[in-house]
């Protein structure tokens, strides 16, 4: 069973989760603004689709109907709670 609150980088591939919190201070103002424009905030569902083969590479995530790439340090600032089932 997965921890109830983990970093997005720790989420297994194709696992859906809800954003529990975002450390907005852990990223640049431009990155934070862009994520808010995409609709990323607490309570939003997110799915990890793919991670780069190299450690520390970008992650592809689905937010709503959008697929976006997140740098590893940005994904590390996002805490999620896996959805039941």
N, C-alpha and C. Protein backbone atom coordinates (compact mmCIF):
# COMPACT_ATOMS: atom_id res chain seq x y z
N UNK A 1 0.84 -1.19 0.00
CA UNK A 1 0.00 0.00 0.00
C UNK A 1 0.88 1.24 0.00
N UNK A 2 0.46 2.26 -0.73
CA UNK A 2 1.23 3.49 -0.84
C UNK A 2 0.98 4.40 0.35
N UNK A 3 1.99 5.20 0.67
CA UNK A 3 1.87 6.19 1.72
C UNK A 3 0.75 7.18 1.36
N UNK A 4 0.02 7.68 2.34
CA UNK A 4 -1.07 8.59 2.04
C UNK A 4 -0.61 9.97 1.58
N UNK A 5 0.66 10.29 1.73
CA UNK A 5 1.14 11.61 1.34
C UNK A 5 2.60 11.49 0.89
N UNK A 6 2.84 11.54 -0.43
CA UNK A 6 4.18 11.38 -0.95
C UNK A 6 4.44 12.39 -2.05
N UNK A 7 5.71 12.55 -2.41
CA UNK A 7 6.06 13.45 -3.50
C UNK A 7 5.61 12.84 -4.82
N UNK A 8 5.26 13.70 -5.74
CA UNK A 8 4.85 13.23 -7.07
C UNK A 8 5.93 12.36 -7.69
N UNK A 9 7.19 12.64 -7.42
CA UNK A 9 8.29 11.85 -7.97
C UNK A 9 8.28 10.41 -7.45
N UNK A 10 7.61 10.16 -6.33
CA UNK A 10 7.55 8.83 -5.74
C UNK A 10 6.32 8.04 -6.20
N UNK A 11 5.42 8.68 -6.90
CA UNK A 11 4.19 8.03 -7.35
C UNK A 11 4.51 7.01 -8.44
N UNK A 12 3.97 5.80 -8.34
CA UNK A 12 4.20 4.82 -9.41
C UNK A 12 3.57 5.28 -10.73
N UNK A 13 4.19 4.86 -11.82
CA UNK A 13 3.69 5.22 -13.15
C UNK A 13 2.27 4.72 -13.34
N UNK A 14 1.46 5.50 -13.99
CA UNK A 14 0.03 5.28 -14.30
C UNK A 14 -0.85 5.30 -13.05
N UNK A 15 -0.31 5.70 -11.93
CA UNK A 15 -1.10 5.80 -10.71
C UNK A 15 -1.72 7.19 -10.64
N UNK A 16 -3.00 7.25 -10.32
CA UNK A 16 -3.69 8.53 -10.18
C UNK A 16 -3.67 8.96 -8.73
N UNK A 17 -3.62 10.27 -8.52
CA UNK A 17 -3.56 10.81 -7.17
C UNK A 17 -4.22 12.19 -7.15
N UNK A 18 -4.40 12.69 -5.95
CA UNK A 18 -4.91 14.04 -5.74
C UNK A 18 -3.78 14.88 -5.16
N UNK A 19 -3.63 16.09 -5.65
CA UNK A 19 -2.60 16.98 -5.13
C UNK A 19 -2.97 17.36 -3.70
N UNK A 20 -2.11 17.02 -2.76
CA UNK A 20 -2.35 17.32 -1.35
C UNK A 20 -1.81 18.70 -0.99
N UNK A 21 -0.62 19.03 -1.51
CA UNK A 21 -0.03 20.35 -1.25
C UNK A 21 1.03 20.63 -2.29
N UNK A 22 1.34 21.91 -2.44
CA UNK A 22 2.37 22.34 -3.37
C UNK A 22 3.28 23.32 -2.63
N UNK A 23 4.58 23.08 -2.67
CA UNK A 23 5.56 23.99 -2.09
C UNK A 23 5.90 25.04 -3.13
N UNK A 24 5.08 26.08 -3.20
CA UNK A 24 5.27 27.11 -4.22
C UNK A 24 6.61 27.82 -4.06
N UNK A 25 7.13 27.87 -2.83
CA UNK A 25 8.42 28.53 -2.58
C UNK A 25 9.58 27.69 -3.11
N UNK A 26 9.35 26.40 -3.38
CA UNK A 26 10.41 25.51 -3.86
C UNK A 26 10.64 25.59 -5.35
N UNK A 27 9.99 26.54 -6.02
CA UNK A 27 10.18 26.69 -7.47
C UNK A 27 10.24 28.17 -7.80
N UNK A 28 10.65 28.47 -9.00
CA UNK A 28 10.75 29.87 -9.41
C UNK A 28 9.35 30.46 -9.58
N UNK A 29 9.23 31.79 -9.49
CA UNK A 29 7.92 32.42 -9.68
C UNK A 29 7.30 32.08 -11.05
N UNK A 30 8.13 31.98 -12.08
CA UNK A 30 7.62 31.63 -13.41
C UNK A 30 7.06 30.22 -13.46
N UNK A 31 7.76 29.28 -12.81
CA UNK A 31 7.28 27.89 -12.76
C UNK A 31 5.97 27.81 -11.99
N UNK A 32 5.89 28.51 -10.86
CA UNK A 32 4.68 28.50 -10.05
C UNK A 32 3.51 29.09 -10.82
N UNK A 33 3.74 30.20 -11.50
CA UNK A 33 2.68 30.84 -12.28
C UNK A 33 2.19 29.91 -13.39
N UNK A 34 3.12 29.27 -14.08
CA UNK A 34 2.75 28.38 -15.18
C UNK A 34 1.91 27.21 -14.68
N UNK A 35 2.30 26.61 -13.55
CA UNK A 35 1.53 25.49 -13.00
C UNK A 35 0.12 25.93 -12.61
N UNK A 36 0.01 27.12 -12.04
CA UNK A 36 -1.33 27.63 -11.70
C UNK A 36 -2.16 27.86 -12.96
N UNK A 37 -1.51 28.34 -14.02
CA UNK A 37 -2.21 28.52 -15.30
C UNK A 37 -2.72 27.19 -15.84
N UNK A 38 -1.98 26.11 -15.60
CA UNK A 38 -2.40 24.78 -16.03
C UNK A 38 -3.50 24.21 -15.14
N UNK A 39 -3.78 24.88 -14.02
CA UNK A 39 -4.83 24.40 -13.12
C UNK A 39 -4.33 23.53 -11.99
N UNK A 40 -3.02 23.47 -11.80
CA UNK A 40 -2.48 22.65 -10.73
C UNK A 40 -2.61 23.38 -9.40
N UNK A 41 -3.29 22.76 -8.47
CA UNK A 41 -3.45 23.30 -7.12
C UNK A 41 -3.95 22.17 -6.23
N UNK A 42 -4.06 22.42 -4.95
CA UNK A 42 -4.54 21.40 -4.02
C UNK A 42 -5.93 20.90 -4.44
N UNK A 43 -6.12 19.59 -4.34
CA UNK A 43 -7.41 18.98 -4.66
C UNK A 43 -7.57 18.54 -6.10
N UNK A 44 -6.63 18.87 -6.96
CA UNK A 44 -6.70 18.51 -8.38
C UNK A 44 -6.17 17.09 -8.57
N UNK A 45 -6.82 16.32 -9.43
CA UNK A 45 -6.34 14.97 -9.74
C UNK A 45 -5.19 15.05 -10.73
N UNK A 46 -4.20 14.18 -10.53
CA UNK A 46 -3.01 14.14 -11.38
C UNK A 46 -2.63 12.68 -11.58
N UNK A 47 -2.08 12.38 -12.73
CA UNK A 47 -1.64 11.01 -13.03
C UNK A 47 -0.23 11.06 -13.59
N UNK A 48 0.66 10.25 -13.04
CA UNK A 48 2.02 10.15 -13.56
C UNK A 48 2.00 9.17 -14.74
N UNK A 49 2.30 9.68 -15.92
CA UNK A 49 2.25 8.86 -17.13
C UNK A 49 3.59 8.23 -17.48
N UNK A 50 4.66 9.01 -17.30
CA UNK A 50 5.97 8.53 -17.74
C UNK A 50 7.05 9.32 -17.02
N UNK A 51 8.16 8.65 -16.75
CA UNK A 51 9.31 9.35 -16.18
C UNK A 51 10.52 9.06 -17.07
N UNK A 52 11.42 10.03 -17.14
CA UNK A 52 12.62 9.87 -17.96
C UNK A 52 13.45 8.70 -17.45
N UNK A 53 14.16 8.06 -18.35
CA UNK A 53 14.97 6.90 -17.97
C UNK A 53 16.12 7.30 -17.06
N UNK A 54 16.63 8.51 -17.23
CA UNK A 54 17.72 8.99 -16.39
C UNK A 54 17.15 9.58 -15.11
N UNK A 55 17.76 9.26 -14.02
CA UNK A 55 17.33 9.79 -12.73
C UNK A 55 17.42 11.31 -12.74
N UNK A 56 16.39 11.96 -12.25
CA UNK A 56 16.38 13.41 -12.20
C UNK A 56 15.85 14.06 -13.46
N UNK A 57 15.39 13.25 -14.41
CA UNK A 57 14.84 13.77 -15.65
C UNK A 57 13.38 14.18 -15.48
N UNK A 58 12.78 14.72 -16.51
CA UNK A 58 11.40 15.19 -16.43
C UNK A 58 10.39 14.04 -16.30
N UNK A 59 9.20 14.41 -15.83
CA UNK A 59 8.08 13.47 -15.69
C UNK A 59 6.93 13.98 -16.53
N UNK A 60 6.24 13.09 -17.21
CA UNK A 60 5.03 13.46 -17.94
C UNK A 60 3.84 13.14 -17.07
N UNK A 61 2.97 14.13 -16.90
CA UNK A 61 1.80 13.98 -16.03
C UNK A 61 0.55 14.44 -16.75
N UNK A 62 -0.56 13.87 -16.35
CA UNK A 62 -1.85 14.30 -16.88
C UNK A 62 -2.57 15.07 -15.79
N UNK A 63 -2.98 16.27 -16.13
CA UNK A 63 -3.81 17.10 -15.25
C UNK A 63 -5.06 17.42 -16.07
N UNK A 64 -6.18 16.86 -15.65
CA UNK A 64 -7.40 17.01 -16.45
C UNK A 64 -7.20 16.32 -17.79
N UNK A 65 -7.38 17.07 -18.89
CA UNK A 65 -7.19 16.50 -20.22
C UNK A 65 -5.84 16.86 -20.81
N UNK A 66 -5.01 17.59 -20.03
CA UNK A 66 -3.69 18.02 -20.51
C UNK A 66 -2.59 17.06 -20.08
N UNK A 67 -1.62 16.89 -20.93
CA UNK A 67 -0.40 16.18 -20.57
C UNK A 67 0.71 17.21 -20.55
N UNK A 68 1.41 17.29 -19.41
CA UNK A 68 2.48 18.26 -19.28
C UNK A 68 3.75 17.56 -18.79
N UNK A 69 4.88 18.15 -19.10
CA UNK A 69 6.17 17.66 -18.59
C UNK A 69 6.60 18.54 -17.44
N UNK A 70 7.01 17.91 -16.36
CA UNK A 70 7.47 18.63 -15.19
C UNK A 70 8.93 18.28 -14.92
N UNK A 71 9.73 19.27 -14.63
CA UNK A 71 11.10 19.01 -14.21
C UNK A 71 11.05 18.29 -12.87
N UNK A 72 12.06 17.49 -12.59
CA UNK A 72 12.07 16.69 -11.37
C UNK A 72 11.99 17.55 -10.11
N UNK A 73 12.66 18.70 -10.10
CA UNK A 73 12.61 19.54 -8.88
C UNK A 73 11.22 20.14 -8.68
N UNK A 74 10.50 20.39 -9.76
CA UNK A 74 9.13 20.90 -9.64
C UNK A 74 8.22 19.78 -9.14
N UNK A 75 8.36 18.59 -9.71
CA UNK A 75 7.54 17.45 -9.27
C UNK A 75 7.83 17.12 -7.81
N UNK A 76 9.05 17.35 -7.36
CA UNK A 76 9.42 17.11 -5.97
C UNK A 76 8.78 18.09 -5.01
N UNK A 77 8.30 19.22 -5.51
CA UNK A 77 7.63 20.22 -4.68
C UNK A 77 6.13 19.94 -4.56
N UNK A 78 5.65 18.90 -5.23
CA UNK A 78 4.22 18.56 -5.24
C UNK A 78 4.02 17.30 -4.41
N UNK A 79 3.17 17.40 -3.39
CA UNK A 79 2.84 16.23 -2.56
C UNK A 79 1.46 15.76 -2.98
N UNK A 80 1.31 14.43 -3.08
CA UNK A 80 0.06 13.84 -3.55
C UNK A 80 -0.44 12.77 -2.61
N UNK A 81 -1.72 12.49 -2.70
CA UNK A 81 -2.35 11.40 -1.96
C UNK A 81 -2.98 10.48 -3.01
N UNK A 82 -2.51 9.23 -3.12
CA UNK A 82 -3.06 8.31 -4.13
C UNK A 82 -4.57 8.13 -3.96
N UNK A 83 -5.27 8.02 -5.08
CA UNK A 83 -6.70 7.76 -5.05
C UNK A 83 -6.96 6.30 -4.68
N UNK A 84 -8.01 6.06 -3.96
CA UNK A 84 -8.36 4.68 -3.58
C UNK A 84 -8.82 3.93 -4.82
N UNK A 85 -8.44 2.65 -4.89
CA UNK A 85 -8.92 1.80 -5.98
C UNK A 85 -8.06 1.72 -7.10
